[in-house]
């Protein structure tokens, strides 16, 4: 049984980038997997524009956190398999402290496989995404952990892996979002 961790900087990033893959691994795969979700932020500032300022902060964090729990419940992933690192949306920086938090989490969980936002050839250049991917890559590449999980990047301009799905199944994303 493989342990798989899906990293995301904000709630909804996985639904937009890996929703069908998570659903397949959690519900359809012949092999059973332990699936964990790791979110560096709660997405508390994820609405663009001044007109949304009244929603930003704790209110939006609660909404987006609940949306994440609801989406993952569709896959059968329980709340205890979802971890938040507590960083603030828009302020995830590639620092020694951030890398160490990621490394400690990886040491504790010991995943076999990791999915993370692309750190180098990214299709979406948001620093929370880039720095989350960079920290995970750094932990593995610089041997800050004593094992070597398989790392896949999503939202990349240089894909090496593709998980297809039938067009009729696209309604799953509507449910997740």
C-alpha atoms as a PDB file:
ATOM      1  CA  UNK A   1       0.000   0.000   0.000  1.00  0.00           C
ATOM      2  CA  UNK A   2       1.547   3.281  -1.117  1.00  0.00           C
ATOM      3  CA  UNK A   3       1.334   6.484   0.882  1.00  0.00           C
ATOM      4  CA  UNK A   4       0.745   9.453  -1.408  1.00  0.00           C
ATOM      5  CA  UNK A   5       0.873  13.119  -0.416  1.00  0.00           C
ATOM      6  CA  UNK A   6      -0.642  15.800  -2.602  1.00  0.00           C
ATOM      7  CA  UNK A   7       0.800  19.224  -1.766  1.00  0.00           C
ATOM      8  CA  UNK A   8      -1.034  22.420  -2.592  1.00  0.00           C
ATOM      9  CA  UNK A   9      -0.393  26.045  -1.691  1.00  0.00           C
ATOM     10  CA  UNK A  10      -4.113  26.904  -1.397  1.00  0.00           C
ATOM     11  CA  UNK A  11      -7.399  25.025  -1.018  1.00  0.00           C
ATOM     12  CA  UNK A  12      -8.795  24.345  -4.528  1.00  0.00           C
ATOM     13  CA  UNK A  13      -5.409  23.966  -6.269  1.00  0.00           C
ATOM     14  CA  UNK A  14      -5.702  20.185  -6.223  1.00  0.00           C
ATOM     15  CA  UNK A  15      -9.295  20.228  -7.428  1.00  0.00           C
ATOM     16  CA  UNK A  16      -8.229  22.321 -10.410  1.00  0.00           C
ATOM     17  CA  UNK A  17      -5.038  20.371 -11.170  1.00  0.00           C
ATOM     18  CA  UNK A  18      -5.360  16.805  -9.848  1.00  0.00           C
ATOM     19  CA  UNK A  19      -9.027  16.202  -9.068  1.00  0.00           C
ATOM     20  CA  UNK A  20      -9.495  13.203 -11.329  1.00  0.00           C
ATOM     21  CA  UNK A  21      -6.183  11.627 -10.334  1.00  0.00           C
ATOM     22  CA  UNK A  22      -6.974  11.908  -6.623  1.00  0.00           C
ATOM     23  CA  UNK A  23     -10.437  10.475  -7.229  1.00  0.00           C
ATOM     24  CA  UNK A  24      -9.035   7.556  -9.214  1.00  0.00           C
ATOM     25  CA  UNK A  25      -6.359   6.737  -6.633  1.00  0.00           C
ATOM     26  CA  UNK A  26      -8.801   7.036  -3.725  1.00  0.00           C
ATOM     27  CA  UNK A  27     -11.804   5.226  -5.209  1.00  0.00           C
ATOM     28  CA  UNK A  28     -11.094   3.392  -8.470  1.00  0.00           C
ATOM     29  CA  UNK A  29      -7.560   2.017  -8.297  1.00  0.00           C
ATOM     30  CA  UNK A  30      -7.177  -1.745  -7.863  1.00  0.00           C
ATOM     31  CA  UNK A  31      -4.469  -0.995  -5.308  1.00  0.00           C
ATOM     32  CA  UNK A  32      -5.410   0.748  -2.086  1.00  0.00           C
ATOM     33  CA  UNK A  33      -3.465   3.861  -1.142  1.00  0.00           C
ATOM     34  CA  UNK A  34      -3.157   6.114   1.864  1.00  0.00           C
ATOM     35  CA  UNK A  35      -3.760   9.609   0.536  1.00  0.00           C
ATOM     36  CA  UNK A  36      -2.827  12.740   2.442  1.00  0.00           C
ATOM     37  CA  UNK A  37      -3.411  16.369   1.496  1.00  0.00           C
ATOM     38  CA  UNK A  38      -0.919  19.035   2.609  1.00  0.00           C
ATOM     39  CA  UNK A  39      -1.871  22.681   2.177  1.00  0.00           C
ATOM     40  CA  UNK A  40       0.666  25.406   2.904  1.00  0.00           C
ATOM     41  CA  UNK A  41      -2.070  28.068   3.364  1.00  0.00           C
ATOM     42  CA  UNK A  42      -5.817  28.291   3.915  1.00  0.00           C
ATOM     43  CA  UNK A  43      -6.260  30.631   0.943  1.00  0.00           C
ATOM     44  CA  UNK A  44      -7.322  33.573   3.066  1.00  0.00           C
ATOM     45  CA  UNK A  45      -6.519  36.196   0.424  1.00  0.00           C
ATOM     46  CA  UNK A  46      -7.480  34.298  -2.721  1.00  0.00           C
ATOM     47  CA  UNK A  47     -10.037  36.725  -4.108  1.00  0.00           C
ATOM     48  CA  UNK A  48      -8.640  39.383  -6.460  1.00  0.00           C
ATOM     49  CA  UNK A  49      -9.954  42.930  -6.278  1.00  0.00           C
ATOM     50  CA  UNK A  50     -10.782  45.525  -3.657  1.00  0.00           C
ATOM     51  CA  UNK A  51     -14.489  44.697  -3.806  1.00  0.00           C
ATOM     52  CA  UNK A  52     -13.707  41.419  -1.981  1.00  0.00           C
ATOM     53  CA  UNK A  53     -11.630  42.925   0.843  1.00  0.00           C
ATOM     54  CA  UNK A  54     -14.450  42.425   3.367  1.00  0.00           C
ATOM     55  CA  UNK A  55     -14.259  38.646   2.793  1.00  0.00           C
ATOM     56  CA  UNK A  56     -10.486  38.279   2.985  1.00  0.00           C
ATOM     57  CA  UNK A  57      -8.770  36.932   6.075  1.00  0.00           C
ATOM     58  CA  UNK A  58     -10.327  34.576   8.627  1.00  0.00           C
ATOM     59  CA  UNK A  59     -13.741  34.486   6.934  1.00  0.00           C
ATOM     60  CA  UNK A  60     -12.346  33.381   3.570  1.00  0.00           C
ATOM     61  CA  UNK A  61      -9.939  30.944   5.270  1.00  0.00           C
ATOM     62  CA  UNK A  62     -12.895  29.223   6.985  1.00  0.00           C
ATOM     63  CA  UNK A  63     -14.875  29.046   3.747  1.00  0.00           C
ATOM     64  CA  UNK A  64     -11.987  27.661   1.705  1.00  0.00           C
ATOM     65  CA  UNK A  65     -10.988  25.200   4.429  1.00  0.00           C
ATOM     66  CA  UNK A  66     -14.534  23.829   4.557  1.00  0.00           C
ATOM     67  CA  UNK A  67     -14.617  23.635   0.752  1.00  0.00           C
ATOM     68  CA  UNK A  68     -11.407  21.578   0.868  1.00  0.00           C
ATOM     69  CA  UNK A  69     -12.875  19.182   3.443  1.00  0.00           C
ATOM     70  CA  UNK A  70     -16.054  18.871   1.352  1.00  0.00           C
ATOM     71  CA  UNK A  71     -14.140  18.221  -1.876  1.00  0.00           C
ATOM     72  CA  UNK A  72     -11.892  15.606  -0.290  1.00  0.00           C
ATOM     73  CA  UNK A  73     -14.890  13.849   1.273  1.00  0.00           C
ATOM     74  CA  UNK A  74     -16.099  13.157  -2.284  1.00  0.00           C
ATOM     75  CA  UNK A  75     -12.906  11.102  -2.677  1.00  0.00           C
ATOM     76  CA  UNK A  76     -13.383   9.481   0.728  1.00  0.00           C
ATOM     77  CA  UNK A  77     -10.397  11.322   2.221  1.00  0.00           C
ATOM     78  CA  UNK A  78     -11.133  12.098   5.891  1.00  0.00           C
ATOM     79  CA  UNK A  79     -10.324  15.445   7.561  1.00  0.00           C
ATOM     80  CA  UNK A  80      -7.560  13.845   9.640  1.00  0.00           C
ATOM     81  CA  UNK A  81      -5.658  13.190   6.380  1.00  0.00           C
ATOM     82  CA  UNK A  82      -5.559  16.919   5.602  1.00  0.00           C
ATOM     83  CA  UNK A  83      -2.711  18.994   7.032  1.00  0.00           C
ATOM     84  CA  UNK A  84      -2.321  22.782   7.032  1.00  0.00           C
ATOM     85  CA  UNK A  85       1.114  24.330   7.489  1.00  0.00           C
ATOM     86  CA  UNK A  86      -0.301  27.678   8.626  1.00  0.00           C
ATOM     87  CA  UNK A  87       1.389  30.004   6.168  1.00  0.00           C
ATOM     88  CA  UNK A  88      -0.469  33.076   4.908  1.00  0.00           C
ATOM     89  CA  UNK A  89      -1.816  33.158   1.360  1.00  0.00           C
ATOM     90  CA  UNK A  90       0.496  35.223  -0.841  1.00  0.00           C
ATOM     91  CA  UNK A  91       3.383  35.102   1.646  1.00  0.00           C
ATOM     92  CA  UNK A  92       4.861  31.610   1.174  1.00  0.00           C
ATOM     93  CA  UNK A  93       8.587  32.276   0.905  1.00  0.00           C
ATOM     94  CA  UNK A  94      11.425  29.893   0.142  1.00  0.00           C
ATOM     95  CA  UNK A  95      13.217  30.168   3.473  1.00  0.00           C
ATOM     96  CA  UNK A  96      15.168  27.803   5.689  1.00  0.00           C
ATOM     97  CA  UNK A  97      12.246  27.749   8.125  1.00  0.00           C
ATOM     98  CA  UNK A  98       9.736  26.825   5.419  1.00  0.00           C
ATOM     99  CA  UNK A  99      11.995  24.116   3.982  1.00  0.00           C
ATOM    100  CA  UNK A 100      12.551  22.684   7.472  1.00  0.00           C
ATOM    101  CA  UNK A 101       8.784  22.529   8.142  1.00  0.00           C
ATOM    102  CA  UNK A 102       8.284  20.649   4.874  1.00  0.00           C
ATOM    103  CA  UNK A 103      11.194  18.305   5.698  1.00  0.00           C
ATOM    104  CA  UNK A 104       9.828  17.560   9.187  1.00  0.00           C
ATOM    105  CA  UNK A 105       6.397  16.781   7.751  1.00  0.00           C
ATOM    106  CA  UNK A 106       7.934  14.479   5.131  1.00  0.00           C
ATOM    107  CA  UNK A 107      10.027  12.696   7.793  1.00  0.00           C
ATOM    108  CA  UNK A 108       6.896  12.160   9.871  1.00  0.00           C
ATOM    109  CA  UNK A 109       4.722  10.923   6.984  1.00  0.00           C
ATOM    110  CA  UNK A 110       7.355   9.058   4.897  1.00  0.00           C
ATOM    111  CA  UNK A 111       5.380   9.136   1.643  1.00  0.00           C
ATOM    112  CA  UNK A 112       6.190   6.842  -1.265  1.00  0.00           C
ATOM    113  CA  UNK A 113       4.871   9.336  -3.823  1.00  0.00           C
ATOM    114  CA  UNK A 114       4.486  13.124  -3.769  1.00  0.00           C
ATOM    115  CA  UNK A 115       2.527  15.373  -6.112  1.00  0.00           C
ATOM    116  CA  UNK A 116       3.462  19.056  -5.867  1.00  0.00           C
ATOM    117  CA  UNK A 117       3.121  22.269  -7.854  1.00  0.00           C
ATOM    118  CA  UNK A 118       5.806  22.705 -10.515  1.00  0.00           C
ATOM    119  CA  UNK A 119       8.829  24.566  -9.205  1.00  0.00           C
ATOM    120  CA  UNK A 120      10.836  25.228 -12.362  1.00  0.00           C
ATOM    121  CA  UNK A 121       8.863  24.943 -15.610  1.00  0.00           C
ATOM    122  CA  UNK A 122       5.655  26.251 -14.138  1.00  0.00           C
ATOM    123  CA  UNK A 123       2.538  27.067 -16.120  1.00  0.00           C
ATOM    124  CA  UNK A 124       1.283  29.223 -13.256  1.00  0.00           C
ATOM    125  CA  UNK A 125       3.844  31.606 -11.823  1.00  0.00           C
ATOM    126  CA  UNK A 126       2.395  32.364  -8.390  1.00  0.00           C
ATOM    127  CA  UNK A 127       5.148  32.422  -5.773  1.00  0.00           C
ATOM    128  CA  UNK A 128       3.134  30.364  -3.272  1.00  0.00           C
ATOM    129  CA  UNK A 129       2.993  27.597  -5.891  1.00  0.00           C
ATOM    130  CA  UNK A 130       6.607  27.911  -6.988  1.00  0.00           C
ATOM    131  CA  UNK A 131       7.984  28.030  -3.440  1.00  0.00           C
ATOM    132  CA  UNK A 132       5.912  25.056  -2.285  1.00  0.00           C
ATOM    133  CA  UNK A 133       7.270  22.972  -5.167  1.00  0.00           C
ATOM    134  CA  UNK A 134      10.812  24.294  -4.664  1.00  0.00           C
ATOM    135  CA  UNK A 135      10.816  23.372  -0.972  1.00  0.00           C
ATOM    136  CA  UNK A 136       9.724  19.803  -1.662  1.00  0.00           C
ATOM    137  CA  UNK A 137      12.248  19.404  -4.474  1.00  0.00           C
ATOM    138  CA  UNK A 138      14.970  20.894  -2.245  1.00  0.00           C
ATOM    139  CA  UNK A 139      14.201  18.452   0.587  1.00  0.00           C
ATOM    140  CA  UNK A 140      14.516  15.459  -1.717  1.00  0.00           C
ATOM    141  CA  UNK A 141      17.407  16.680  -3.905  1.00  0.00           C
ATOM    142  CA  UNK A 142      19.534  17.834  -0.948  1.00  0.00           C
ATOM    143  CA  UNK A 143      18.734  14.737   1.109  1.00  0.00           C
ATOM    144  CA  UNK A 144      17.097  16.533   4.030  1.00  0.00           C
ATOM    145  CA  UNK A 145      15.038  13.364   4.398  1.00  0.00           C
ATOM    146  CA  UNK A 146      16.479   9.846   4.648  1.00  0.00           C
ATOM    147  CA  UNK A 147      14.309   8.306   1.924  1.00  0.00           C
ATOM    148  CA  UNK A 148      13.576   9.143  -1.702  1.00  0.00           C
ATOM    149  CA  UNK A 149       9.902   9.400  -2.624  1.00  0.00           C
ATOM    150  CA  UNK A 150       8.866   9.627  -6.248  1.00  0.00           C
ATOM    151  CA  UNK A 151       8.067  13.263  -7.024  1.00  0.00           C
ATOM    152  CA  UNK A 152       5.612  14.387  -9.691  1.00  0.00           C
ATOM    153  CA  UNK A 153       4.941  18.033 -10.494  1.00  0.00           C
ATOM    154  CA  UNK A 154       1.565  19.311 -11.657  1.00  0.00           C
ATOM    155  CA  UNK A 155       0.793  22.554 -13.507  1.00  0.00           C
ATOM    156  CA  UNK A 156       3.962  22.168 -15.533  1.00  0.00           C
ATOM    157  CA  UNK A 157       5.106  23.287 -18.962  1.00  0.00           C
ATOM    158  CA  UNK A 158       7.306  20.187 -19.162  1.00  0.00           C
ATOM    159  CA  UNK A 159       5.074  17.188 -18.382  1.00  0.00           C
ATOM    160  CA  UNK A 160       6.540  13.706 -18.074  1.00  0.00           C
ATOM    161  CA  UNK A 161       3.339  12.029 -16.903  1.00  0.00           C
ATOM    162  CA  UNK A 162      -0.269  12.385 -17.979  1.00  0.00           C
ATOM    163  CA  UNK A 163      -3.401  10.987 -16.373  1.00  0.00           C
ATOM    164  CA  UNK A 164      -6.299  11.038 -18.803  1.00  0.00           C
ATOM    165  CA  UNK A 165      -9.998  10.793 -18.096  1.00  0.00           C
ATOM    166  CA  UNK A 166     -13.126  10.433 -20.161  1.00  0.00           C
ATOM    167  CA  UNK A 167     -14.929  13.632 -21.111  1.00  0.00           C
ATOM    168  CA  UNK A 168     -18.154  12.319 -19.583  1.00  0.00           C
ATOM    169  CA  UNK A 169     -16.409  12.279 -16.187  1.00  0.00           C
ATOM    170  CA  UNK A 170     -15.667  16.000 -16.311  1.00  0.00           C
ATOM    171  CA  UNK A 171     -18.672  16.696 -14.082  1.00  0.00           C
ATOM    172  CA  UNK A 172     -16.558  15.458 -11.154  1.00  0.00           C
ATOM    173  CA  UNK A 173     -14.719  18.790 -11.189  1.00  0.00           C
ATOM    174  CA  UNK A 174     -18.057  20.603 -10.865  1.00  0.00           C
ATOM    175  CA  UNK A 175     -18.741  18.566  -7.716  1.00  0.00           C
ATOM    176  CA  UNK A 176     -15.279  19.246  -6.308  1.00  0.00           C
ATOM    177  CA  UNK A 177     -15.479  22.984  -6.875  1.00  0.00           C
END
